[in-house]
Amino acid sequence: DLGSLVLLMRVFGAKVAVIYVLVGLAIAVAGGTVIEKLHMEKYVESFILSAGSVDIESPILTKVERAEYAKAQVLSTFKKVFPYILAGVGIGAVIHNWIPESWIAAVLGSNNPFGVLLVGVPMYADIFGTIPVAEALLAKGAQLGTILAFMMAVTTLSLPSIIMLRKAVKPKLLALFVGVCTAGIILV
């Protein structure tokens, strides 16, 4: 989303932020194409397929009502995101102040393509909570590609995300999704 793109730009610069978004989109499109070509629709849970569409007419709002609605949406988003930001800043502070650079290099170094997954999969955070952690890892000497892969792993392949996704798709499709995402993240 726009907020995370702005934060990514502030931390890593515009070039890296745009590359991160483009690579993520490329992985998503390639993965979606693979899943579509393999005709995996039958591996979507039946309650998802049987759900009807929802048609909601958009109410006509005055400018004041739109402003109030926008304010409520901003506050709602802030309340949802702020705990993740605090957690990410806290983890980032721990990494920055107490974890030795040699450990970061060993676990997330270029010689360990699965290190990002080992660290990222057990965690759960949205992109706002992940960026401060990534910033601390960068300060400790982790490579940029590894950091971007870590951010993708945390937001895409975390155990809680996989558990939630399993409610909507059957194991075969879930395994393909995890495989495609894992391959894309390791390539990053």
Protein backbone atom coordinates (compact mmCIF):
# COMPACT_ATOMS: atom_id res chain seq x y z
CA ASP A 1 0.00 0.00 0.00
CA LEU A 2 0.99 3.63 -0.31
CA GLY A 3 1.93 4.04 3.35
CA SER A 4 4.38 1.14 3.30
CA LEU A 5 5.83 2.35 0.00
CA VAL A 6 6.52 5.77 1.53
CA LEU A 7 8.12 4.14 4.59
CA LEU A 8 10.20 1.84 2.36
CA MET A 9 11.36 4.89 0.40
CA ARG A 10 12.38 6.69 3.56
CA VAL A 11 14.37 3.76 4.91
CA PHE A 12 15.88 2.29 1.72
CA GLY A 13 15.47 5.02 -0.89
CA ALA A 14 13.12 5.30 -3.86
CA LYS A 15 15.08 2.94 -6.13
CA VAL A 16 15.07 0.05 -3.64
CA ALA A 17 11.41 0.63 -2.70
CA VAL A 18 10.30 0.56 -6.34
CA ILE A 19 12.40 -2.55 -7.02
CA TYR A 20 10.87 -4.26 -3.95
CA VAL A 21 7.35 -3.53 -5.19
CA LEU A 22 8.13 -4.57 -8.77
CA VAL A 23 9.81 -7.82 -7.71
CA GLY A 24 6.89 -8.61 -5.40
CA LEU A 25 4.44 -7.97 -8.23
CA ALA A 26 6.51 -10.08 -10.62
CA ILE A 27 6.49 -13.00 -8.16
CA ALA A 28 2.73 -12.59 -7.67
CA VAL A 29 1.98 -12.47 -11.40
CA ALA A 30 4.31 -15.39 -12.19
CA GLY A 31 2.87 -17.45 -9.34
CA GLY A 32 -0.69 -16.60 -10.32
CA THR A 33 0.05 -17.57 -13.90
CA VAL A 34 1.52 -20.93 -12.83
CA ILE A 35 -1.48 -21.63 -10.60
CA GLU A 36 -3.88 -20.68 -13.38
CA LYS A 37 -2.10 -22.80 -16.01
CA LEU A 38 -2.23 -25.79 -13.65
CA HIS A 39 -6.02 -25.30 -13.25
CA MET A 40 -5.88 -25.31 -9.46
CA GLU A 41 -9.40 -23.88 -9.02
CA LYS A 42 -10.62 -27.25 -7.79
CA TYR A 43 -8.36 -26.86 -4.75
CA VAL A 44 -10.21 -23.83 -3.44
CA GLU A 45 -12.48 -24.68 -0.50
CA SER A 46 -16.12 -25.13 -1.53
CA PHE A 47 -17.50 -22.42 0.76
CA ILE A 48 -15.35 -19.88 -1.10
CA LEU A 49 -16.60 -21.06 -4.49
CA SER A 50 -20.24 -21.08 -3.38
CA ALA A 51 -20.17 -17.57 -1.93
CA GLY A 52 -22.31 -15.19 -3.92
CA SER A 53 -21.30 -11.75 -5.00
CA VAL A 54 -22.21 -8.76 -2.91
CA ASP A 55 -23.59 -5.69 -4.64
CA ILE A 56 -23.60 -2.65 -2.44
CA GLU A 57 -24.79 0.67 -3.71
CA SER A 58 -22.52 3.51 -2.79
CA PRO A 59 -24.34 6.10 -0.74
CA ILE A 60 -24.26 9.74 -1.72
CA LEU A 61 -22.25 11.55 0.93
CA THR A 62 -21.70 15.22 1.57
CA LYS A 63 -18.17 16.58 1.83
CA VAL A 64 -18.44 16.70 5.62
CA GLU A 65 -19.66 13.09 5.74
CA ARG A 66 -16.80 12.03 3.45
CA ALA A 67 -14.30 13.81 5.70
CA GLU A 68 -15.76 12.10 8.79
CA TYR A 69 -15.66 8.73 7.02
CA ALA A 70 -12.05 9.31 5.94
CA LYS A 71 -11.09 10.30 9.50
CA ALA A 72 -12.72 7.13 10.88
CA GLN A 73 -10.84 5.01 8.30
CA VAL A 74 -7.50 6.67 9.17
CA LEU A 75 -8.05 6.07 12.89
CA SER A 76 -9.10 2.48 12.26
CA THR A 77 -6.01 1.80 10.13
CA PHE A 78 -3.76 3.53 12.65
CA LYS A 79 -5.13 1.39 15.50
CA LYS A 80 -4.55 -1.79 13.48
CA VAL A 81 -1.03 -0.88 12.32
CA PHE A 82 0.45 0.91 15.33
CA PRO A 83 1.05 -2.22 17.47
CA TYR A 84 2.99 -3.78 14.59
CA ILE A 85 5.09 -0.66 14.22
CA LEU A 86 5.89 -0.69 17.94
CA ALA A 87 6.76 -4.39 17.85
CA GLY A 88 8.92 -3.89 14.77
CA VAL A 89 10.75 -0.96 16.34
CA GLY A 90 11.29 -3.01 19.52
CA ILE A 91 12.68 -5.98 17.62
CA GLY A 92 14.78 -3.64 15.53
CA ALA A 93 16.20 -2.07 18.69
CA VAL A 94 17.10 -5.50 20.09
CA ILE A 95 18.79 -6.47 16.84
CA HIS A 96 20.61 -3.15 16.61
CA ASN A 97 21.86 -3.08 20.19
CA TRP A 98 22.35 -6.68 21.32
CA ILE A 99 22.72 -9.12 18.44
CA PRO A 100 26.28 -9.45 17.13
CA GLU A 101 26.97 -8.72 13.49
CA SER A 102 28.65 -12.12 13.11
CA TRP A 103 25.39 -13.87 14.04
CA ILE A 104 23.39 -11.79 11.54
CA ALA A 105 25.98 -12.58 8.84
CA ALA A 106 25.90 -16.31 9.67
CA VAL A 107 22.12 -16.67 9.64
CA LEU A 108 21.22 -14.19 6.91
CA GLY A 109 24.45 -14.29 4.91
CA SER A 110 24.72 -15.00 1.21
CA ASN A 111 25.93 -18.55 1.91
CA ASN A 112 22.56 -19.51 3.41
CA PRO A 113 19.71 -19.09 0.90
CA PHE A 114 17.20 -20.57 3.36
CA GLY A 115 18.22 -18.36 6.30
CA VAL A 116 15.59 -15.79 5.43
CA LEU A 117 12.89 -18.42 5.58
CA LEU A 118 14.20 -19.85 8.87
CA VAL A 119 14.01 -16.42 10.46
CA GLY A 120 10.98 -15.05 8.60
CA VAL A 121 8.48 -17.91 8.64
CA PRO A 122 8.00 -18.15 12.43
CA MET A 123 7.47 -14.39 12.69
CA TYR A 124 4.28 -12.57 11.84
CA ALA A 125 4.09 -8.90 11.04
CA ASP A 126 2.71 -6.67 8.39
CA ILE A 127 5.07 -4.59 6.29
CA PHE A 128 4.97 -1.69 8.79
CA GLY A 129 6.28 -3.89 11.57
CA THR A 130 8.88 -5.50 9.33
CA ILE A 131 10.53 -2.33 8.01
CA PRO A 132 12.15 -1.28 11.33
CA VAL A 133 13.53 -4.80 11.73
CA ALA A 134 14.88 -4.66 8.19
CA GLU A 135 16.48 -1.29 8.88
CA ALA A 136 18.26 -2.73 11.93
CA LEU A 137 19.43 -5.76 9.91
CA LEU A 138 20.82 -3.43 7.24
CA ALA A 139 22.69 -1.46 9.92
CA LYS A 140 24.17 -4.77 11.18
CA GLY A 141 25.55 -5.57 7.74
CA ALA A 142 22.95 -7.93 6.26
CA GLN A 143 22.82 -7.75 2.47
CA LEU A 144 20.03 -5.75 0.87
CA GLY A 145 18.65 -8.68 -1.16
CA THR A 146 18.54 -10.80 1.96
CA ILE A 147 16.68 -8.07 3.84
CA LEU A 148 14.11 -7.66 1.07
CA ALA A 149 13.64 -11.44 0.96
CA PHE A 150 13.24 -11.46 4.75
CA MET A 151 10.50 -8.80 4.53
CA MET A 152 8.71 -10.85 1.87
CA ALA A 153 9.00 -14.04 3.92
CA VAL A 154 7.61 -12.44 7.07
CA THR A 155 4.63 -10.88 5.31
CA THR A 156 3.89 -13.78 2.92
CA LEU A 157 4.95 -17.09 4.45
CA SER A 158 4.57 -16.58 8.17
CA LEU A 159 2.97 -19.49 9.96
CA PRO A 160 -0.13 -17.48 10.99
CA SER A 161 -0.65 -16.38 7.37
CA ILE A 162 -0.38 -19.95 6.12
CA ILE A 163 -2.84 -21.15 8.77
CA MET A 164 -5.35 -18.48 7.74
CA LEU A 165 -4.86 -19.22 4.04
CA ARG A 166 -5.42 -22.93 4.69
CA LYS A 167 -8.99 -22.09 5.67
CA ALA A 168 -9.65 -20.97 2.08
CA VAL A 169 -7.57 -23.39 0.01
CA LYS A 170 -6.87 -27.11 0.07
CA PRO A 171 -3.41 -28.49 0.95
CA LYS A 172 -2.30 -29.11 -2.65
CA LEU A 173 -2.93 -25.49 -3.69
CA LEU A 174 -1.44 -24.22 -0.43
CA ALA A 175 1.72 -26.27 -1.06
CA LEU A 176 2.01 -24.85 -4.58
CA PHE A 177 1.52 -21.31 -3.24
CA VAL A 178 4.22 -21.83 -0.60
CA GLY A 179 6.55 -23.36 -3.18
CA VAL A 180 6.12 -20.51 -5.66
CA CYS A 181 6.57 -17.88 -2.96
CA THR A 182 9.58 -19.66 -1.48
CA ALA A 183 11.27 -19.92 -4.89
CA GLY A 184 10.60 -16.25 -5.60
CA ILE A 185 11.85 -15.14 -2.20
CA ILE A 186 15.04 -17.21 -2.49
CA LEU A 187 15.65 -15.68 -5.93
CA VAL A 188 15.38 -12.22 -4.39
